Every structure is written in structure tokens, then in C-alpha cells.
Amino acid sequence: MAERRVKAVHGLKKIARDPAREIELSRQLKSRYDRNGLLEIYALHVSGDTDYHQKMRRTVWRALAKKFGHGITIGPGVAFKHIETFEIGDGVFIGAQSYIQGRFDGVCRIGRSVWIGPQSFFDARQLIIEDRVGWGPGGKVLGSMHSGVPIGRPIIQTDLIIKPVRIGAESDIGVNAVILPGVTIGKGSIVGAGAVVTRNVQPYAIVTGVPARFLKWRDGYSS
């Protein structure tokens, strides 16, 4: 079959405010249940794929998160840790079976109109994803690593080093790409499918490979 070009959907969709009754339901649940009670409600709806299940997932996230916008989609099977640190912008899509792992004293900020593909993983102890990022299915962020020192101790017992990761606005992360601790992805850049990014990526650059290397600048960009 011949190649086709069609209009984008998520990136152009107008974001509507959530219904007032849904926001009120979230407020009521927050006032009635503690954190464990809200998590039990989420567990009842985490796997469903109906509009009602989707609404209830949003309702619980809104009650638990530090900040929660409008027009957000949370796919079936999405799980989280330390959601109280999450700041989720308007129009975010989180694909099925993704996992976001925060930390009690960390920062997890996902900007407006971000699209996250299914089965993605985020070590979100110190993570910022800016506006309008496309994140391919199975993509991963690793935001921490063990020091490995001293040598005589099992690595898993050594100190954990947390390094901030920032994904610049309007960038695109390919399927199964991996972003390692301390990396900044520049605005409008492209990370190829399966790439392992070990160092910063310049704005509007295209990087590919393991480890990721500069391939070229995006068409229309002059360095």
C-alpha cells in the first residue's frame, strides 16, 4: 500500500474543561476517604475501558495529585507511586499499562497536551516533561542510579543518586527509547526508536542508536 499523510489528532484537539459534576465528585471523595480509600476506589476502575471507568480514574487522580488539569485521558492499567507529587497539565494522554514512579520528596511535572504511548515507564523522582511532547509506546525514563561505592558492598545497597531529567517541549521520543539519568532532551528534537540516550540532546536535533548519537538536524532547522 502507498504511503498516506493524515491530519494529527491529539496534537490539534481542542481541550474542553471537565464537567463541574466530575470535579465536585472528586472533591466529595477526597473529603470522605483517606488515601488508602481512594486507592481502593481506583483499583475498582483501573482496568475498565468504558467512559465511566475513565471518569472514575480521572476523579481519583484529581483527588490525589498535587495538580490535575482538564481533558486528561488515563488508559486502562495505568499505575503510579507517590501521585501526591504529580502535576499533570491539560489534555495529557497516558496510554494503557504505563507506570509513573514518583518519590515522596520529588517532582513529577507533565505539561499540556503530552501524549504518552502504552506500556511506558517513568522513574519520575525528578522529572519534567514540557508541553506537547510525543512519547512512543514502551519508552522509558531512568532518573536514578546506585553509586556502586564502596566496591565491597552489593550495588543495590549503595546510595541512590537521583539526577533530574527534562524532556523539552515539542520533542518526540521514539518507541522503546530509553532516557538515562541527568539527561535533557532539547526542544523540538527527535529521539529515534530504541535509542539509549546517555547525554543531552540539542534542540531540533535527531539522535539514534545505542548509545544515541547525533544523526542530523530536523528539516528546516539551521544551526
N, C-alpha and C. Protein backbone atom coordinates (compact mmCIF):
# COMPACT_ATOMS: atom_id res chain seq x y z
N MET A 1 0.83 -1.19 0.00
CA MET A 1 0.00 0.00 0.00
C MET A 1 0.87 1.25 0.00
N ALA A 2 0.38 2.30 -0.63
CA ALA A 2 1.13 3.54 -0.74
C ALA A 2 1.11 4.30 0.59
N GLU A 3 2.14 5.08 0.81
CA GLU A 3 2.22 5.95 1.98
C GLU A 3 1.07 6.96 1.97
N ARG A 4 0.52 7.24 3.16
CA ARG A 4 -0.54 8.24 3.28
C ARG A 4 -0.15 9.27 4.31
N ARG A 5 -0.63 10.47 4.15
CA ARG A 5 -0.46 11.52 5.15
C ARG A 5 -1.84 11.97 5.62
N VAL A 6 -2.07 11.92 6.94
CA VAL A 6 -3.36 12.32 7.51
C VAL A 6 -3.12 13.36 8.60
N LYS A 7 -4.15 14.09 8.95
CA LYS A 7 -4.04 15.12 9.96
C LYS A 7 -3.80 14.51 11.35
N ALA A 8 -2.99 15.20 12.16
CA ALA A 8 -2.81 14.81 13.56
C ALA A 8 -4.13 14.93 14.31
N VAL A 9 -4.27 14.11 15.35
CA VAL A 9 -5.49 14.15 16.15
C VAL A 9 -5.20 14.77 17.53
N HIS A 10 -4.41 14.08 18.33
CA HIS A 10 -4.17 14.55 19.70
C HIS A 10 -3.58 15.96 19.72
N GLY A 11 -2.60 16.20 18.85
CA GLY A 11 -1.90 17.47 18.89
C GLY A 11 -2.73 18.67 18.50
N LEU A 12 -3.86 18.44 17.84
CA LEU A 12 -4.71 19.54 17.37
C LEU A 12 -6.05 19.61 18.10
N LYS A 13 -6.28 18.64 18.99
CA LYS A 13 -7.58 18.56 19.65
C LYS A 13 -7.79 19.72 20.61
N LYS A 14 -8.97 20.33 20.55
CA LYS A 14 -9.32 21.39 21.48
C LYS A 14 -9.61 20.77 22.85
N ILE A 15 -9.05 21.37 23.88
CA ILE A 15 -9.20 20.82 25.24
C ILE A 15 -10.39 21.49 25.92
N ALA A 16 -11.37 20.68 26.26
CA ALA A 16 -12.54 21.18 26.96
C ALA A 16 -12.37 21.01 28.46
N ARG A 17 -13.00 21.86 29.22
CA ARG A 17 -12.97 21.72 30.67
C ARG A 17 -13.79 20.50 31.09
N ASP A 18 -13.36 19.82 32.14
CA ASP A 18 -14.11 18.69 32.65
C ASP A 18 -15.43 19.18 33.25
N PRO A 19 -16.47 18.34 33.20
CA PRO A 19 -17.77 18.75 33.75
C PRO A 19 -17.67 19.11 35.23
N ALA A 20 -18.44 20.10 35.63
CA ALA A 20 -18.43 20.54 37.03
C ALA A 20 -18.81 19.40 37.97
N ARG A 21 -19.72 18.53 37.54
CA ARG A 21 -20.15 17.42 38.42
C ARG A 21 -19.02 16.43 38.65
N GLU A 22 -18.14 16.26 37.67
CA GLU A 22 -17.00 15.37 37.86
C GLU A 22 -16.01 15.97 38.85
N ILE A 23 -15.78 17.26 38.74
CA ILE A 23 -14.88 17.93 39.67
C ILE A 23 -15.45 17.89 41.09
N GLU A 24 -16.75 18.07 41.21
CA GLU A 24 -17.40 18.02 42.52
C GLU A 24 -17.33 16.61 43.11
N LEU A 25 -17.49 15.59 42.27
CA LEU A 25 -17.36 14.22 42.75
C LEU A 25 -15.97 13.98 43.33
N SER A 26 -14.97 14.48 42.66
CA SER A 26 -13.61 14.33 43.16
C SER A 26 -13.45 15.01 44.52
N ARG A 27 -14.02 16.19 44.66
CA ARG A 27 -13.94 16.91 45.93
C ARG A 27 -14.63 16.13 47.05
N GLN A 28 -15.79 15.55 46.73
CA GLN A 28 -16.53 14.79 47.73
C GLN A 28 -15.77 13.54 48.16
N LEU A 29 -15.19 12.84 47.19
CA LEU A 29 -14.43 11.64 47.53
C LEU A 29 -13.21 11.98 48.38
N LYS A 30 -12.56 13.08 48.05
CA LYS A 30 -11.38 13.49 48.81
C LYS A 30 -11.74 13.82 50.25
N SER A 31 -12.91 14.40 50.45
CA SER A 31 -13.33 14.76 51.81
C SER A 31 -13.83 13.54 52.60
N ARG A 32 -14.25 12.50 51.88
CA ARG A 32 -14.86 11.35 52.55
C ARG A 32 -13.86 10.22 52.81
N TYR A 33 -12.85 10.07 51.93
CA TYR A 33 -11.94 8.94 52.03
C TYR A 33 -10.51 9.41 52.25
N ASP A 34 -9.75 8.59 52.97
CA ASP A 34 -8.32 8.86 53.08
C ASP A 34 -7.62 8.29 51.84
N ARG A 35 -6.30 8.40 51.82
CA ARG A 35 -5.54 7.97 50.65
C ARG A 35 -5.79 6.50 50.32
N ASN A 36 -5.77 5.65 51.31
CA ASN A 36 -5.98 4.22 51.06
C ASN A 36 -7.37 3.96 50.50
N GLY A 37 -8.36 4.67 51.00
CA GLY A 37 -9.71 4.51 50.48
C GLY A 37 -9.81 4.93 49.03
N LEU A 38 -9.14 6.02 48.66
CA LEU A 38 -9.15 6.47 47.27
C LEU A 38 -8.43 5.47 46.36
N LEU A 39 -7.36 4.89 46.87
CA LEU A 39 -6.64 3.87 46.08
C LEU A 39 -7.51 2.64 45.86
N GLU A 40 -8.32 2.29 46.85
CA GLU A 40 -9.24 1.16 46.68
C GLU A 40 -10.28 1.46 45.61
N ILE A 41 -10.76 2.68 45.57
CA ILE A 41 -11.70 3.07 44.52
C ILE A 41 -11.03 2.99 43.15
N TYR A 42 -9.78 3.46 43.08
CA TYR A 42 -9.05 3.39 41.81
C TYR A 42 -8.90 1.95 41.34
N ALA A 43 -8.60 1.05 42.28
CA ALA A 43 -8.42 -0.36 41.93
C ALA A 43 -9.68 -0.96 41.31
N LEU A 44 -10.84 -0.47 41.69
CA LEU A 44 -12.09 -0.96 41.12
C LEU A 44 -12.26 -0.56 39.66
N HIS A 45 -11.57 0.50 39.25
CA HIS A 45 -11.79 1.07 37.92
C HIS A 45 -10.54 1.07 37.04
N VAL A 46 -9.43 0.55 37.57
CA VAL A 46 -8.15 0.69 36.86
C VAL A 46 -8.14 -0.05 35.53
N SER A 47 -8.86 -1.16 35.41
CA SER A 47 -8.78 -1.98 34.19
C SER A 47 -9.91 -1.75 33.21
N GLY A 48 -10.94 -1.04 33.61
CA GLY A 48 -12.09 -0.86 32.74
C GLY A 48 -11.81 0.05 31.57
N ASP A 49 -12.54 -0.16 30.48
CA ASP A 49 -12.30 0.63 29.27
C ASP A 49 -13.56 1.40 28.83
N THR A 50 -14.49 1.60 29.75
CA THR A 50 -15.69 2.37 29.44
C THR A 50 -15.48 3.83 29.83
N ASP A 51 -16.38 4.69 29.34
CA ASP A 51 -16.31 6.10 29.72
C ASP A 51 -16.43 6.28 31.23
N TYR A 52 -17.25 5.45 31.86
CA TYR A 52 -17.42 5.55 33.30
C TYR A 52 -16.13 5.23 34.04
N HIS A 53 -15.44 4.16 33.65
CA HIS A 53 -14.18 3.82 34.28
C HIS A 53 -13.15 4.94 34.06
N GLN A 54 -13.15 5.48 32.86
CA GLN A 54 -12.23 6.58 32.56
C GLN A 54 -12.51 7.78 33.46
N LYS A 55 -13.77 8.10 33.64
CA LYS A 55 -14.15 9.22 34.51
C LYS A 55 -13.70 8.96 35.94
N MET A 56 -13.89 7.75 36.43
CA MET A 56 -13.52 7.45 37.80
C MET A 56 -12.00 7.48 38.00
N ARG A 57 -11.25 7.06 37.01
CA ARG A 57 -9.79 7.17 37.12
C ARG A 57 -9.38 8.64 37.23
N ARG A 58 -9.96 9.48 36.38
CA ARG A 58 -9.66 10.91 36.46
C ARG A 58 -10.06 11.48 37.83
N THR A 59 -11.21 11.06 38.31
CA THR A 59 -11.73 11.58 39.58
C THR A 59 -10.77 11.28 40.73
N VAL A 60 -10.26 10.06 40.77
CA VAL A 60 -9.33 9.69 41.84
C VAL A 60 -7.99 10.41 41.68
N TRP A 61 -7.48 10.49 40.45
CA TRP A 61 -6.23 11.22 40.23
C TRP A 61 -6.36 12.67 40.67
N ARG A 62 -7.49 13.28 40.32
CA ARG A 62 -7.69 14.69 40.70
C ARG A 62 -7.68 14.85 42.23
N ALA A 63 -8.23 13.86 42.93
CA ALA A 63 -8.27 13.92 44.39
C ALA A 63 -6.89 13.70 45.02
N LEU A 64 -6.02 12.97 44.36
CA LEU A 64 -4.74 12.59 44.95
C LEU A 64 -3.56 13.43 44.48
N ALA A 65 -3.60 13.90 43.24
CA ALA A 65 -2.44 14.57 42.65
C ALA A 65 -2.25 15.99 43.20
N LYS A 66 -1.05 16.48 43.12
CA LYS A 66 -0.74 17.85 43.53
C LYS A 66 -1.45 18.85 42.63
N LYS A 67 -1.49 18.54 41.32
CA LYS A 67 -2.18 19.39 40.35
C LYS A 67 -2.69 18.50 39.24
N PHE A 68 -3.93 18.75 38.79
CA PHE A 68 -4.54 17.90 37.77
C PHE A 68 -5.41 18.75 36.87
N GLY A 69 -5.11 18.74 35.58
CA GLY A 69 -5.78 19.62 34.63
C GLY A 69 -7.08 19.05 34.09
N HIS A 70 -7.48 19.56 32.92
CA HIS A 70 -8.73 19.18 32.27
C HIS A 70 -8.43 18.36 31.01
N GLY A 71 -9.42 17.55 30.62
CA GLY A 71 -9.31 16.81 29.37
C GLY A 71 -8.23 15.76 29.35
N ILE A 72 -7.98 15.15 30.48
CA ILE A 72 -6.90 14.16 30.61
C ILE A 72 -7.46 12.76 30.40
N THR A 73 -6.71 11.93 29.67
CA THR A 73 -7.08 10.54 29.45
C THR A 73 -6.09 9.64 30.16
N ILE A 74 -6.60 8.72 30.98
CA ILE A 74 -5.77 7.76 31.70
C ILE A 74 -6.20 6.37 31.26
N GLY A 75 -5.35 5.69 30.52
CA GLY A 75 -5.71 4.41 29.94
C GLY A 75 -5.85 3.30 30.96
N PRO A 76 -6.44 2.18 30.55
CA PRO A 76 -6.59 1.02 31.45
C PRO A 76 -5.23 0.52 31.93
N GLY A 77 -5.18 0.15 33.20
CA GLY A 77 -3.96 -0.44 33.74
C GLY A 77 -2.87 0.53 34.11
N VAL A 78 -3.11 1.83 34.00
CA VAL A 78 -2.07 2.80 34.38
C VAL A 78 -1.89 2.77 35.90
N ALA A 79 -0.63 2.68 36.34
CA ALA A 79 -0.32 2.62 37.77
C ALA A 79 0.65 3.72 38.14
N PHE A 80 0.80 3.96 39.43
CA PHE A 80 1.60 5.09 39.89
C PHE A 80 2.11 4.85 41.30
N LYS A 81 3.10 5.66 41.67
CA LYS A 81 3.60 5.70 43.04
C LYS A 81 3.89 7.15 43.40
N HIS A 82 3.48 7.55 44.59
CA HIS A 82 3.63 8.94 45.06
C HIS A 82 2.97 9.94 44.12
N ILE A 83 1.71 9.66 43.82
CA ILE A 83 0.93 10.54 42.95
C ILE A 83 0.75 11.93 43.57
N GLU A 84 0.95 12.05 44.87
CA GLU A 84 0.81 13.36 45.52
C GLU A 84 1.84 14.37 45.03
N THR A 85 2.87 13.91 44.33
CA THR A 85 3.88 14.82 43.77
C THR A 85 3.60 15.16 42.31
N PHE A 86 2.57 14.59 41.71
CA PHE A 86 2.34 14.74 40.27
C PHE A 86 1.64 16.07 39.96
N GLU A 87 2.10 16.73 38.90
CA GLU A 87 1.45 17.91 38.34
C GLU A 87 1.17 17.61 36.87
N ILE A 88 -0.10 17.39 36.54
CA ILE A 88 -0.48 16.94 35.21
C ILE A 88 -1.23 18.05 34.48
N GLY A 89 -0.75 18.45 33.31
CA GLY A 89 -1.34 19.55 32.57
C GLY A 89 -2.57 19.15 31.78
N ASP A 90 -3.26 20.14 31.23
CA ASP A 90 -4.45 19.90 30.43
C ASP A 90 -4.15 19.04 29.20
N GLY A 91 -5.11 18.19 28.85
CA GLY A 91 -5.04 17.46 27.59
C GLY A 91 -4.01 16.36 27.51
N VAL A 92 -3.50 15.89 28.65
CA VAL A 92 -2.50 14.82 28.65
C VAL A 92 -3.18 13.48 28.38
N PHE A 93 -2.51 12.64 27.57
CA PHE A 93 -2.96 11.27 27.31
C PHE A 93 -1.91 10.33 27.88
N ILE A 94 -2.33 9.41 28.75
CA ILE A 94 -1.42 8.40 29.33
C ILE A 94 -1.90 7.03 28.89
N GLY A 95 -1.12 6.36 28.06
CA GLY A 95 -1.53 5.10 27.45
C GLY A 95 -1.60 3.94 28.41
N ALA A 96 -2.33 2.92 28.01
CA ALA A 96 -2.61 1.75 28.83
C ALA A 96 -1.33 1.11 29.37
N GLN A 97 -1.42 0.68 30.63
CA GLN A 97 -0.37 -0.09 31.31
C GLN A 97 0.93 0.69 31.48
N SER A 98 0.87 1.99 31.43
CA SER A 98 2.05 2.80 31.76
C SER A 98 2.22 2.87 33.27
N TYR A 99 3.45 3.15 33.71
CA TYR A 99 3.73 3.24 35.14
C TYR A 99 4.58 4.47 35.41
N ILE A 100 4.13 5.29 36.38
CA ILE A 100 4.85 6.50 36.75
C ILE A 100 5.25 6.38 38.21
N GLN A 101 6.55 6.32 38.46
CA GLN A 101 7.06 6.11 39.82
C GLN A 101 7.68 7.40 40.33
N GLY A 102 6.93 8.10 41.20
CA GLY A 102 7.46 9.30 41.82
C GLY A 102 8.22 8.97 43.10
N ARG A 103 8.54 10.02 43.84
CA ARG A 103 9.20 9.89 45.14
C ARG A 103 8.57 10.92 46.07
N PHE A 104 8.49 10.59 47.35
CA PHE A 104 7.76 11.44 48.30
C PHE A 104 8.27 12.87 48.33
N ASP A 105 9.57 13.09 48.07
CA ASP A 105 10.14 14.43 48.09
C ASP A 105 10.54 14.91 46.69
N GLY A 106 9.99 14.27 45.66
CA GLY A 106 10.40 14.57 44.30
C GLY A 106 9.47 15.50 43.55
N VAL A 107 9.74 15.62 42.26
CA VAL A 107 8.94 16.44 41.35
C VAL A 107 8.62 15.62 40.11
N CYS A 108 7.34 15.54 39.78
CA CYS A 108 6.91 14.91 38.53
C CYS A 108 5.93 15.87 37.87
N ARG A 109 6.37 16.50 36.79
CA ARG A 109 5.55 17.50 36.11
C ARG A 109 5.40 17.13 34.64
N ILE A 110 4.17 16.95 34.20
CA ILE A 110 3.87 16.60 32.81
C ILE A 110 3.05 17.72 32.22
N GLY A 111 3.56 18.34 31.17
CA GLY A 111 2.96 19.55 30.62
C GLY A 111 1.72 19.31 29.77
N ARG A 112 1.21 20.37 29.26
CA ARG A 112 -0.03 20.40 28.48
C ARG A 112 0.11 19.61 27.17
N SER A 113 -0.92 18.85 26.85
CA SER A 113 -1.05 18.15 25.56
C SER A 113 0.08 17.15 25.29
N VAL A 114 0.63 16.58 26.34
CA VAL A 114 1.62 15.49 26.18
C VAL A 114 0.87 14.20 25.84
N TRP A 115 1.43 13.43 24.91
CA TRP A 115 0.87 12.12 24.54
C TRP A 115 1.87 11.06 24.93
N ILE A 116 1.46 10.13 25.79
CA ILE A 116 2.32 9.05 26.28
C ILE A 116 1.77 7.72 25.79
N GLY A 117 2.56 6.97 25.04
CA GLY A 117 2.12 5.70 24.49
C GLY A 117 2.01 4.61 25.54
N PRO A 118 1.31 3.53 25.23
CA PRO A 118 1.11 2.42 26.16
C PRO A 118 2.43 1.81 26.63
N GLN A 119 2.39 1.25 27.83
CA GLN A 119 3.48 0.48 28.43
C GLN A 119 4.77 1.30 28.59
N SER A 120 4.62 2.59 28.81
CA SER A 120 5.77 3.43 29.10
C SER A 120 6.10 3.38 30.59
N PHE A 121 7.36 3.66 30.92
CA PHE A 121 7.80 3.66 32.31
C PHE A 121 8.57 4.94 32.61
N PHE A 122 8.22 5.56 33.75
CA PHE A 122 8.89 6.79 34.15
C PHE A 122 9.39 6.68 35.58
N ASP A 123 10.71 6.73 35.75
CA ASP A 123 11.30 6.95 37.06
C ASP A 123 11.20 8.45 37.28
N ALA A 124 10.10 8.86 37.92
CA ALA A 124 9.71 10.27 37.96
C ALA A 124 10.04 10.92 39.30
N ARG A 125 11.19 10.60 39.84
CA ARG A 125 11.58 11.19 41.12
C ARG A 125 12.01 12.64 40.97
N GLN A 126 12.47 12.99 39.75
CA GLN A 126 12.84 14.38 39.46
C GLN A 126 12.70 14.57 37.94
N LEU A 127 11.46 14.60 37.48
CA LEU A 127 11.16 14.55 36.05
C LEU A 127 10.26 15.70 35.64
N ILE A 128 10.66 16.37 34.56
CA ILE A 128 9.81 17.39 33.94
C ILE A 128 9.67 17.06 32.46
N ILE A 129 8.43 16.90 32.03
CA ILE A 129 8.12 16.74 30.60
C ILE A 129 7.36 17.99 30.19
N GLU A 130 7.91 18.76 29.30
CA GLU A 130 7.30 20.03 28.92
C GLU A 130 6.14 19.82 27.94
N ASP A 131 5.53 20.91 27.51
CA ASP A 131 4.30 20.85 26.71
C ASP A 131 4.49 20.17 25.35
N ARG A 132 3.42 19.50 24.93
CA ARG A 132 3.28 18.97 23.56
C ARG A 132 4.39 18.00 23.17
N VAL A 133 4.78 17.15 24.10
CA VAL A 133 5.75 16.09 23.82
C VAL A 133 5.01 14.84 23.36
N GLY A 134 5.55 14.16 22.36
CA GLY A 134 5.06 12.86 21.95
C GLY A 134 5.99 11.77 22.48
N TRP A 135 5.41 10.80 23.17
CA TRP A 135 6.23 9.77 23.83
C TRP A 135 5.81 8.40 23.30
N GLY A 136 6.69 7.74 22.57
CA GLY A 136 6.35 6.48 21.93
C GLY A 136 6.09 5.36 22.90
N PRO A 137 5.27 4.37 22.51
CA PRO A 137 4.97 3.22 23.37
C PRO A 137 6.26 2.54 23.85
N GLY A 138 6.26 2.17 25.14
CA GLY A 138 7.39 1.46 25.71
C GLY A 138 8.59 2.30 26.03
N GLY A 139 8.52 3.61 25.81
CA GLY A 139 9.64 4.49 26.16
C GLY A 139 9.86 4.53 27.66
N LYS A 140 11.09 4.78 28.08
CA LYS A 140 11.43 4.73 29.50
C LYS A 140 12.32 5.89 29.90
N VAL A 141 12.09 6.38 31.12
CA VAL A 141 13.00 7.33 31.77
C VAL A 141 13.59 6.66 33.00
N LEU A 142 14.91 6.69 33.10
CA LEU A 142 15.60 6.25 34.32
C LEU A 142 16.20 7.50 34.95
N GLY A 143 15.71 7.84 36.14
CA GLY A 143 16.14 9.08 36.77
C GLY A 143 17.07 8.88 37.95
N SER A 144 17.48 7.65 38.19
CA SER A 144 18.32 7.38 39.36
C SER A 144 19.23 6.19 39.10
N MET A 145 20.27 6.12 39.90
CA MET A 145 21.22 5.02 39.78
C MET A 145 21.93 4.85 41.11
N HIS A 146 22.39 3.62 41.40
CA HIS A 146 23.17 3.37 42.61
C HIS A 146 24.62 3.76 42.38
N SER A 147 25.24 4.28 43.44
CA SER A 147 26.62 4.77 43.31
C SER A 147 27.62 3.65 43.06
N GLY A 148 27.33 2.44 43.60
CA GLY A 148 28.28 1.34 43.43
C GLY A 148 29.49 1.44 44.34
N VAL A 149 29.47 2.38 45.26
CA VAL A 149 30.60 2.61 46.16
C VAL A 149 30.12 2.46 47.61
N PRO A 150 30.87 1.71 48.43
CA PRO A 150 32.18 1.09 48.17
C PRO A 150 32.06 -0.21 47.37
N ILE A 151 33.14 -0.62 46.78
CA ILE A 151 33.16 -1.76 45.88
C ILE A 151 32.80 -3.07 46.59
N GLY A 152 33.07 -3.16 47.88
CA GLY A 152 32.81 -4.40 48.59
C GLY A 152 31.37 -4.60 49.00
N ARG A 153 30.50 -3.66 48.69
CA ARG A 153 29.10 -3.76 49.08
C ARG A 153 28.26 -4.08 47.85
N PRO A 154 27.21 -4.90 47.98
CA PRO A 154 26.33 -5.12 46.83
C PRO A 154 25.81 -3.79 46.29
N ILE A 155 25.81 -3.63 44.99
CA ILE A 155 25.44 -2.35 44.38
C ILE A 155 24.08 -1.87 44.86
N ILE A 156 23.14 -2.80 45.01
CA ILE A 156 21.79 -2.43 45.41
C ILE A 156 21.74 -1.85 46.82
N GLN A 157 22.82 -2.04 47.61
CA GLN A 157 22.89 -1.50 48.96
C GLN A 157 23.59 -0.15 49.03
N THR A 158 24.15 0.30 47.91
CA THR A 158 24.85 1.59 47.91
C THR A 158 23.87 2.73 47.69
N ASP A 159 24.33 3.96 47.98
CA ASP A 159 23.46 5.13 47.91
C ASP A 159 22.83 5.30 46.53
N LEU A 160 21.59 5.78 46.53
CA LEU A 160 20.88 6.07 45.30
C LEU A 160 21.16 7.51 44.89
N ILE A 161 21.57 7.71 43.67
CA ILE A 161 21.84 9.04 43.14
C ILE A 161 20.72 9.41 42.19
N ILE A 162 19.99 10.48 42.52
CA ILE A 162 18.88 10.93 41.69
C ILE A 162 19.34 12.11 40.86
N LYS A 163 19.16 12.00 39.55
CA LYS A 163 19.55 13.07 38.63
C LYS A 163 18.33 13.53 37.85
N PRO A 164 18.10 14.84 37.79
CA PRO A 164 16.91 15.33 37.10
C PRO A 164 16.94 15.05 35.61
N VAL A 165 15.76 14.72 35.08
CA VAL A 165 15.58 14.52 33.64
C VAL A 165 14.55 15.52 33.15
N ARG A 166 14.85 16.18 32.04
CA ARG A 166 13.92 17.14 31.44
C ARG A 166 13.73 16.81 29.96
N ILE A 167 12.47 16.71 29.56
CA ILE A 167 12.13 16.46 28.17
C ILE A 167 11.55 17.76 27.61
N GLY A 168 12.26 18.37 26.68
CA GLY A 168 11.89 19.68 26.17
C GLY A 168 10.60 19.68 25.38
N ALA A 169 9.96 20.83 25.35
CA ALA A 169 8.68 21.00 24.67
C ALA A 169 8.77 20.59 23.20
N GLU A 170 7.70 19.97 22.72
CA GLU A 170 7.50 19.68 21.30
C GLU A 170 8.49 18.65 20.75
N SER A 171 9.17 17.96 21.64
CA SER A 171 10.08 16.90 21.18
C SER A 171 9.31 15.60 20.99
N ASP A 172 9.97 14.62 20.38
CA ASP A 172 9.32 13.35 20.07
C ASP A 172 10.27 12.22 20.44
N ILE A 173 9.79 11.32 21.30
CA ILE A 173 10.60 10.21 21.79
C ILE A 173 10.10 8.92 21.15
N GLY A 174 10.97 8.19 20.49
CA GLY A 174 10.56 7.03 19.71
C GLY A 174 10.20 5.82 20.55
N VAL A 175 9.57 4.86 19.90
CA VAL A 175 9.16 3.61 20.54
C VAL A 175 10.36 2.93 21.21
N ASN A 176 10.18 2.56 22.49
CA ASN A 176 11.18 1.80 23.25
C ASN A 176 12.49 2.55 23.47
N ALA A 177 12.50 3.86 23.30
CA ALA A 177 13.70 4.64 23.62
C ALA A 177 13.88 4.68 25.14
N VAL A 178 15.13 4.88 25.57
CA VAL A 178 15.46 4.95 26.99
C VAL A 178 16.25 6.24 27.24
N ILE A 179 15.77 7.04 28.20
CA ILE A 179 16.46 8.27 28.59
C ILE A 179 17.11 8.02 29.95
N LEU A 180 18.42 8.20 30.05
CA LEU A 180 19.15 7.87 31.26
C LEU A 180 19.24 9.07 32.21
N PRO A 181 19.63 8.83 33.49
CA PRO A 181 19.63 9.88 34.50
C PRO A 181 20.44 11.11 34.09
N GLY A 182 19.91 12.29 34.42
CA GLY A 182 20.61 13.54 34.21
C GLY A 182 20.52 14.12 32.82
N VAL A 183 19.77 13.49 31.93
CA VAL A 183 19.72 13.92 30.53
C VAL A 183 18.63 14.97 30.32
N THR A 184 18.94 15.96 29.48
CA THR A 184 17.97 16.94 29.00
C THR A 184 17.79 16.74 27.50
N ILE A 185 16.54 16.59 27.09
CA ILE A 185 16.20 16.48 25.67
C ILE A 185 15.75 17.86 25.20
N GLY A 186 16.41 18.40 24.21
CA GLY A 186 16.13 19.77 23.77
C GLY A 186 14.80 19.91 23.06
N LYS A 187 14.30 21.13 23.04
CA LYS A 187 13.03 21.45 22.41
C LYS A 187 13.01 20.99 20.94
N GLY A 188 11.91 20.36 20.56
CA GLY A 188 11.70 20.03 19.15
C GLY A 188 12.60 18.96 18.59
N SER A 189 13.31 18.25 19.45
CA SER A 189 14.22 17.22 18.96
C SER A 189 13.50 15.89 18.77
N ILE A 190 14.17 14.96 18.10
CA ILE A 190 13.62 13.63 17.84
C ILE A 190 14.62 12.59 18.34
N VAL A 191 14.12 11.68 19.18
CA VAL A 191 14.91 10.54 19.63
C VAL A 191 14.39 9.30 18.92
N GLY A 192 15.24 8.63 18.17
CA GLY A 192 14.82 7.50 17.35
C GLY A 192 14.37 6.30 18.17
N ALA A 193 13.61 5.44 17.52
CA ALA A 193 13.11 4.23 18.17
C ALA A 193 14.26 3.38 18.69
N GLY A 194 14.14 2.92 19.95
CA GLY A 194 15.14 2.05 20.54
C GLY A 194 16.43 2.71 20.96
N ALA A 195 16.53 4.03 20.81
CA ALA A 195 17.76 4.72 21.19
C ALA A 195 17.94 4.71 22.70
N VAL A 196 19.20 4.70 23.14
CA VAL A 196 19.54 4.84 24.56
C VAL A 196 20.30 6.15 24.71
N VAL A 197 19.66 7.12 25.34
CA VAL A 197 20.20 8.48 25.38
C VAL A 197 20.99 8.66 26.67
N THR A 198 22.31 8.85 26.55
CA THR A 198 23.20 8.93 27.70
C THR A 198 23.68 10.36 27.96
N ARG A 199 23.41 11.28 27.02
CA ARG A 199 23.86 12.66 27.21
C ARG A 199 22.84 13.61 26.59
N ASN A 200 22.97 14.89 26.88
CA ASN A 200 21.99 15.87 26.45
C ASN A 200 21.84 15.90 24.93
N VAL A 201 20.61 16.20 24.49
CA VAL A 201 20.30 16.31 23.07
C VAL A 201 19.99 17.76 22.76
N GLN A 202 20.61 18.30 21.74
CA GLN A 202 20.40 19.71 21.37
C GLN A 202 19.01 19.92 20.77
N PRO A 203 18.46 21.13 20.93
CA PRO A 203 17.16 21.43 20.32
C PRO A 203 17.17 21.17 18.81
N TYR A 204 16.11 20.55 18.33
CA TYR A 204 15.84 20.28 16.91
C TYR A 204 16.83 19.29 16.29
N ALA A 205 17.56 18.57 17.14
CA ALA A 205 18.45 17.53 16.63
C ALA A 205 17.69 16.20 16.52
N ILE A 206 18.20 15.31 15.66
CA ILE A 206 17.71 13.94 15.57
C ILE A 206 18.84 13.03 16.02
N VAL A 207 18.56 12.18 17.02
CA VAL A 207 19.57 11.26 17.52
C VAL A 207 19.03 9.83 17.41
N THR A 208 19.93 8.89 17.16
CA THR A 208 19.56 7.49 17.03
C THR A 208 20.68 6.61 17.57
N GLY A 209 20.34 5.35 17.87
CA GLY A 209 21.35 4.36 18.17
C GLY A 209 21.57 4.10 19.64
N VAL A 210 22.50 3.15 19.91
CA VAL A 210 22.86 2.73 21.26
C VAL A 210 24.39 2.76 21.37
N PRO A 211 24.96 3.72 22.11
CA PRO A 211 24.27 4.87 22.68
C PRO A 211 23.85 5.85 21.59
N ALA A 212 22.90 6.73 21.90
CA ALA A 212 22.38 7.65 20.89
C ALA A 212 23.46 8.63 20.44
N ARG A 213 23.50 8.85 19.14
CA ARG A 213 24.43 9.80 18.53
C ARG A 213 23.67 10.75 17.61
N PHE A 214 24.23 11.92 17.42
CA PHE A 214 23.63 12.90 16.51
C PHE A 214 23.59 12.35 15.09
N LEU A 215 22.41 12.41 14.46
CA LEU A 215 22.26 11.98 13.08
C LEU A 215 22.22 13.18 12.14
N LYS A 216 21.32 14.12 12.43
CA LYS A 216 21.20 15.32 11.61
C LYS A 216 20.26 16.29 12.32
N TRP A 217 20.19 17.51 11.77
CA TRP A 217 19.21 18.47 12.25
C TRP A 217 17.88 18.22 11.55
N ARG A 218 16.81 18.56 12.21
CA ARG A 218 15.49 18.42 11.57
C ARG A 218 15.39 19.30 10.34
N ASP A 219 14.64 18.82 9.35
CA ASP A 219 14.44 19.59 8.12
C ASP A 219 13.89 20.97 8.46
N GLY A 220 14.47 21.99 7.87
CA GLY A 220 14.01 23.36 8.06
C GLY A 220 14.72 24.08 9.20
N TYR A 221 15.56 23.34 9.96
CA TYR A 221 16.27 24.00 11.07
C TYR A 221 17.70 24.29 10.65
N SER A 222 18.14 25.51 10.94
CA SER A 222 19.52 25.91 10.64
C SER A 222 20.23 26.19 11.94
N SER A 223 21.32 25.46 12.18
CA SER A 223 22.08 25.63 13.42
C SER A 223 22.96 26.86 13.37
